[in-house]
C-alpha cells in the first residue's frame, strides 16, 4: 500500500519550512523540492549540463549560478519554459524514488514540500494539500527581516505566487502559523494522527 501523499505549500514568509521541519521531527519523511533542485544545480548535478546548453554562460565552478540564470531569464522570460522542461522531469524522477523508498519502509504518510505546488499543477498527484498561512502583515514583517530582502523583491516574489486566499480556498487542510509554534506543532501532530490511518484508496 502506498503512503498518503500530503502536499505542503504556502507563500513566502508563511512558515512552510518550519512546518515541514515539524513533520520531519515527528518522523514523517519530507521531500524538499527546493533541496532537490539545489542538488541538481550543484557541481556535478544532473541539471548542470542541460541548463548550460540551454543558457550558455550560467555555470560556474560550483555549478549553476542562480544569479546568472536569473539574469538570463530576465533578458528572455520565455526561458522559464525551457528551464522547467529540463528541471521538472529530473525532480519528478527523484520524487518517484523517494515515494518508492517510503512505501518499501512501510510509511503511512509522506510530505511533499513544494513552494509552487498549485502554480505547477502539483495538486493533481498528491492525495491532499496542506496550506500554511499567516495574516499579510505578519508575512510581510517576516519576509522583510530576511537579509537582502527589499519591498520590491518581495512584491516580485508575490507576483509569481498564487494569492494566499486562493491557496486557502483550494486547500484540504490549513495551519495558521501566526498563532505560535506550539499551536502549529499541535496542528501538525493532529494531522499526522488523522492521515496516518488513511490509505490513499479513495481519499482524493
Protein backbone atom coordinates (compact mmCIF):
# COMPACT_ATOMS: atom_id res chain seq x y z
CA UNK A 1 0.00 0.00 0.00
CA UNK A 2 1.44 3.36 -0.91
CA UNK A 3 1.59 6.14 1.71
CA UNK A 4 -0.81 9.09 1.86
CA UNK A 5 0.86 11.87 -0.15
CA UNK A 6 0.36 15.26 1.52
CA UNK A 7 1.42 18.31 -0.46
CA UNK A 8 2.72 21.12 1.76
CA UNK A 9 2.71 24.63 0.35
CA UNK A 10 2.37 28.25 1.32
CA UNK A 11 3.54 31.64 0.14
CA UNK A 12 6.87 33.14 1.19
CA UNK A 13 7.09 34.02 4.88
CA UNK A 14 4.15 31.86 5.94
CA UNK A 15 6.20 29.37 7.96
CA UNK A 16 6.17 26.49 5.46
CA UNK A 17 9.78 25.43 6.11
CA UNK A 18 9.24 25.47 9.87
CA UNK A 19 6.10 23.36 9.46
CA UNK A 20 7.96 20.90 7.19
CA UNK A 21 10.60 20.59 9.92
CA UNK A 22 7.87 19.73 12.45
CA UNK A 23 6.72 16.82 10.26
CA UNK A 24 10.32 15.64 9.87
CA UNK A 25 10.90 15.85 13.63
CA UNK A 26 7.79 13.69 14.10
CA UNK A 27 9.41 11.03 11.91
CA UNK A 28 7.45 11.70 8.71
CA UNK A 29 9.56 11.59 5.50
CA UNK A 30 9.68 15.02 3.83
CA UNK A 31 10.55 15.52 0.17
CA UNK A 32 12.03 19.02 -0.03
CA UNK A 33 11.75 20.07 -3.67
CA UNK A 34 13.97 23.14 -3.16
CA UNK A 35 16.74 21.00 -1.68
CA UNK A 36 16.43 18.57 -4.60
CA UNK A 37 16.75 21.41 -7.12
CA UNK A 38 19.72 22.74 -5.14
CA UNK A 39 21.46 19.35 -5.52
CA UNK A 40 20.62 19.20 -9.24
CA UNK A 41 22.15 22.70 -9.70
CA UNK A 42 25.34 21.96 -7.71
CA UNK A 43 28.60 20.99 -9.40
CA UNK A 44 28.15 17.52 -10.87
CA UNK A 45 24.35 17.75 -10.57
CA UNK A 46 22.19 16.30 -13.35
CA UNK A 47 20.79 19.71 -14.35
CA UNK A 48 24.17 21.40 -14.93
CA UNK A 49 24.98 20.25 -18.47
CA UNK A 50 21.47 20.63 -19.98
CA UNK A 51 20.97 24.05 -18.35
CA UNK A 52 24.36 25.27 -19.60
CA UNK A 53 23.39 24.07 -23.10
CA UNK A 54 20.11 26.00 -22.91
CA UNK A 55 21.58 29.09 -21.21
CA UNK A 56 25.27 29.35 -22.12
CA UNK A 57 27.42 31.06 -19.51
CA UNK A 58 25.31 30.40 -16.39
CA UNK A 59 27.53 27.63 -14.98
CA UNK A 60 30.47 28.38 -12.67
CA UNK A 61 32.93 26.16 -10.82
CA UNK A 62 30.32 25.47 -8.12
CA UNK A 63 27.54 24.57 -10.55
CA UNK A 64 24.68 26.65 -11.93
CA UNK A 65 24.84 30.26 -10.77
CA UNK A 66 21.30 31.23 -9.76
CA UNK A 67 22.27 34.88 -10.20
CA UNK A 68 23.45 34.38 -13.77
CA UNK A 69 20.43 32.19 -14.51
CA UNK A 70 18.11 34.90 -13.12
CA UNK A 71 19.81 37.47 -15.36
CA UNK A 72 19.39 35.20 -18.40
CA UNK A 73 15.70 34.69 -17.58
CA UNK A 74 15.21 38.44 -17.05
CA UNK A 75 16.58 39.01 -20.55
CA UNK A 76 14.40 36.28 -22.03
CA UNK A 77 11.34 35.35 -19.92
CA UNK A 78 10.41 32.61 -22.42
CA UNK A 79 13.39 30.76 -20.95
CA UNK A 80 11.28 29.74 -17.93
CA UNK A 81 9.55 27.13 -20.09
CA UNK A 82 12.88 25.76 -21.32
CA UNK A 83 14.22 25.64 -17.77
CA UNK A 84 11.11 23.88 -16.45
CA UNK A 85 11.30 21.33 -19.28
CA UNK A 86 14.81 20.43 -18.06
CA UNK A 87 14.32 20.58 -14.29
CA UNK A 88 10.80 19.18 -13.77
CA UNK A 89 11.49 15.66 -15.15
CA UNK A 90 14.67 15.43 -13.03
CA UNK A 91 12.74 16.42 -9.90
CA UNK A 92 9.91 14.02 -10.81
CA UNK A 93 12.39 11.14 -11.04
CA UNK A 94 13.78 11.95 -7.55
CA UNK A 95 10.21 12.19 -6.27
CA UNK A 96 9.36 8.73 -7.60
CA UNK A 97 12.47 7.27 -5.90
CA UNK A 98 11.52 8.95 -2.61
CA UNK A 99 7.97 7.58 -2.75
CA UNK A 100 9.16 4.08 -3.60
CA UNK A 101 11.59 4.10 -0.65
CA UNK A 102 8.85 5.35 1.72
CA UNK A 103 6.42 2.67 0.53
CA UNK A 104 9.07 -0.05 0.98
CA UNK A 105 9.77 1.08 4.53
CA UNK A 106 6.06 0.90 5.37
CA UNK A 107 5.37 4.63 5.83
CA UNK A 108 1.69 5.63 6.09
CA UNK A 109 2.29 9.30 5.30
CA UNK A 110 4.81 11.34 3.32
CA UNK A 111 5.13 15.10 2.87
CA UNK A 112 5.95 16.86 -0.38
CA UNK A 113 7.24 20.35 0.47
CA UNK A 114 6.62 22.29 -2.76
CA UNK A 115 6.53 26.11 -2.75
CA UNK A 116 4.75 26.41 -6.11
CA UNK A 117 2.51 23.35 -5.74
CA UNK A 118 -0.67 24.89 -7.18
CA UNK A 119 1.21 27.04 -9.69
CA UNK A 120 2.81 23.92 -11.23
CA UNK A 121 -0.31 21.70 -11.07
CA UNK A 122 1.22 19.54 -8.34
CA UNK A 123 -2.09 19.06 -6.54
CA UNK A 124 -3.02 16.56 -9.27
CA UNK A 125 -0.63 13.89 -7.98
CA UNK A 126 -0.93 14.34 -4.20
CA UNK A 127 -3.79 12.97 -2.09
CA UNK A 128 -4.34 16.18 -0.13
CA UNK A 129 -2.91 19.68 0.22
CA UNK A 130 -1.89 21.47 3.42
CA UNK A 131 -1.57 25.24 3.07
CA UNK A 132 0.48 27.09 5.68
CA UNK A 133 -0.79 30.63 6.13
CA UNK A 134 -0.50 33.78 8.24
CA UNK A 135 -2.02 37.27 8.03
CA UNK A 136 -0.45 39.53 5.37
CA UNK A 137 1.11 41.95 7.87
CA UNK A 138 2.87 39.13 9.73
CA UNK A 139 4.01 37.63 6.41
CA UNK A 140 5.49 40.97 5.27
CA UNK A 141 7.22 41.57 8.62
CA UNK A 142 8.85 38.10 8.49
CA UNK A 143 9.99 38.39 4.88
CA UNK A 144 11.38 41.93 5.18
CA UNK A 145 13.57 40.80 8.09
CA UNK A 146 15.46 38.49 5.72
CA UNK A 147 18.94 39.66 4.69
CA UNK A 148 18.98 41.41 1.30
CA UNK A 149 15.18 41.47 1.04
CA UNK A 150 13.54 44.64 -0.25
CA UNK A 151 9.87 45.56 -0.72
CA UNK A 152 10.46 45.39 -4.50
CA UNK A 153 11.89 41.87 -4.31
CA UNK A 154 9.07 40.81 -2.02
CA UNK A 155 6.47 42.20 -4.45
CA UNK A 156 8.19 40.39 -7.34
CA UNK A 157 8.14 37.05 -5.47
CA UNK A 158 4.46 37.51 -4.54
CA UNK A 159 3.60 38.27 -8.16
CA UNK A 160 4.82 34.78 -9.14
CA UNK A 161 2.85 33.07 -6.36
CA UNK A 162 -0.86 32.35 -6.27
CA UNK A 163 -2.61 34.69 -3.76
CA UNK A 164 -2.81 33.24 -0.25
CA UNK A 165 -6.61 33.48 -0.22
CA UNK A 166 -6.88 31.35 -3.34
CA UNK A 167 -4.47 28.77 -1.88
CA UNK A 168 -6.56 28.56 1.28
CA UNK A 169 -9.73 28.09 -0.79
CA UNK A 170 -8.14 25.16 -2.61
CA UNK A 171 -6.55 23.57 0.47
CA UNK A 172 -7.72 20.37 2.14
CA UNK A 173 -6.02 21.40 5.39
CA UNK A 174 -4.80 24.77 6.73
CA UNK A 175 -2.36 25.65 9.51
CA UNK A 176 -2.13 29.29 10.63
CA UNK A 177 1.42 29.86 11.93
CA UNK A 178 0.63 33.30 13.37
CA UNK A 179 -0.86 31.58 16.42
CA UNK A 180 2.59 30.46 17.55
CA UNK A 181 4.75 27.38 17.13
CA UNK A 182 3.04 25.39 19.88
CA UNK A 183 -0.27 25.79 18.07
CA UNK A 184 1.33 24.79 14.74
CA UNK A 185 3.04 21.75 16.26
CA UNK A 186 -0.25 20.59 17.82
CA UNK A 187 -1.99 21.02 14.43
CA UNK A 188 0.81 19.01 12.75
CA UNK A 189 0.51 16.20 15.33
CA UNK A 190 -3.26 16.07 14.87
CA UNK A 191 -2.92 15.92 11.11
CA UNK A 192 -0.34 13.12 11.34
CA UNK A 193 -2.68 11.12 13.57
CA UNK A 194 -5.57 11.67 11.18
CA UNK A 195 -3.75 10.88 7.93
CA UNK A 196 -1.50 8.06 9.10
CA UNK A 197 -4.53 5.79 9.34
CA UNK A 198 -5.83 6.56 5.87
CA UNK A 199 -4.71 4.55 2.91
CA UNK A 200 -4.88 6.52 -0.31
CA UNK A 201 -7.73 4.44 -1.67
CA UNK A 202 -10.48 6.86 -2.46
CA UNK A 203 -9.01 9.76 -0.49
CA UNK A 204 -8.93 12.16 -3.38
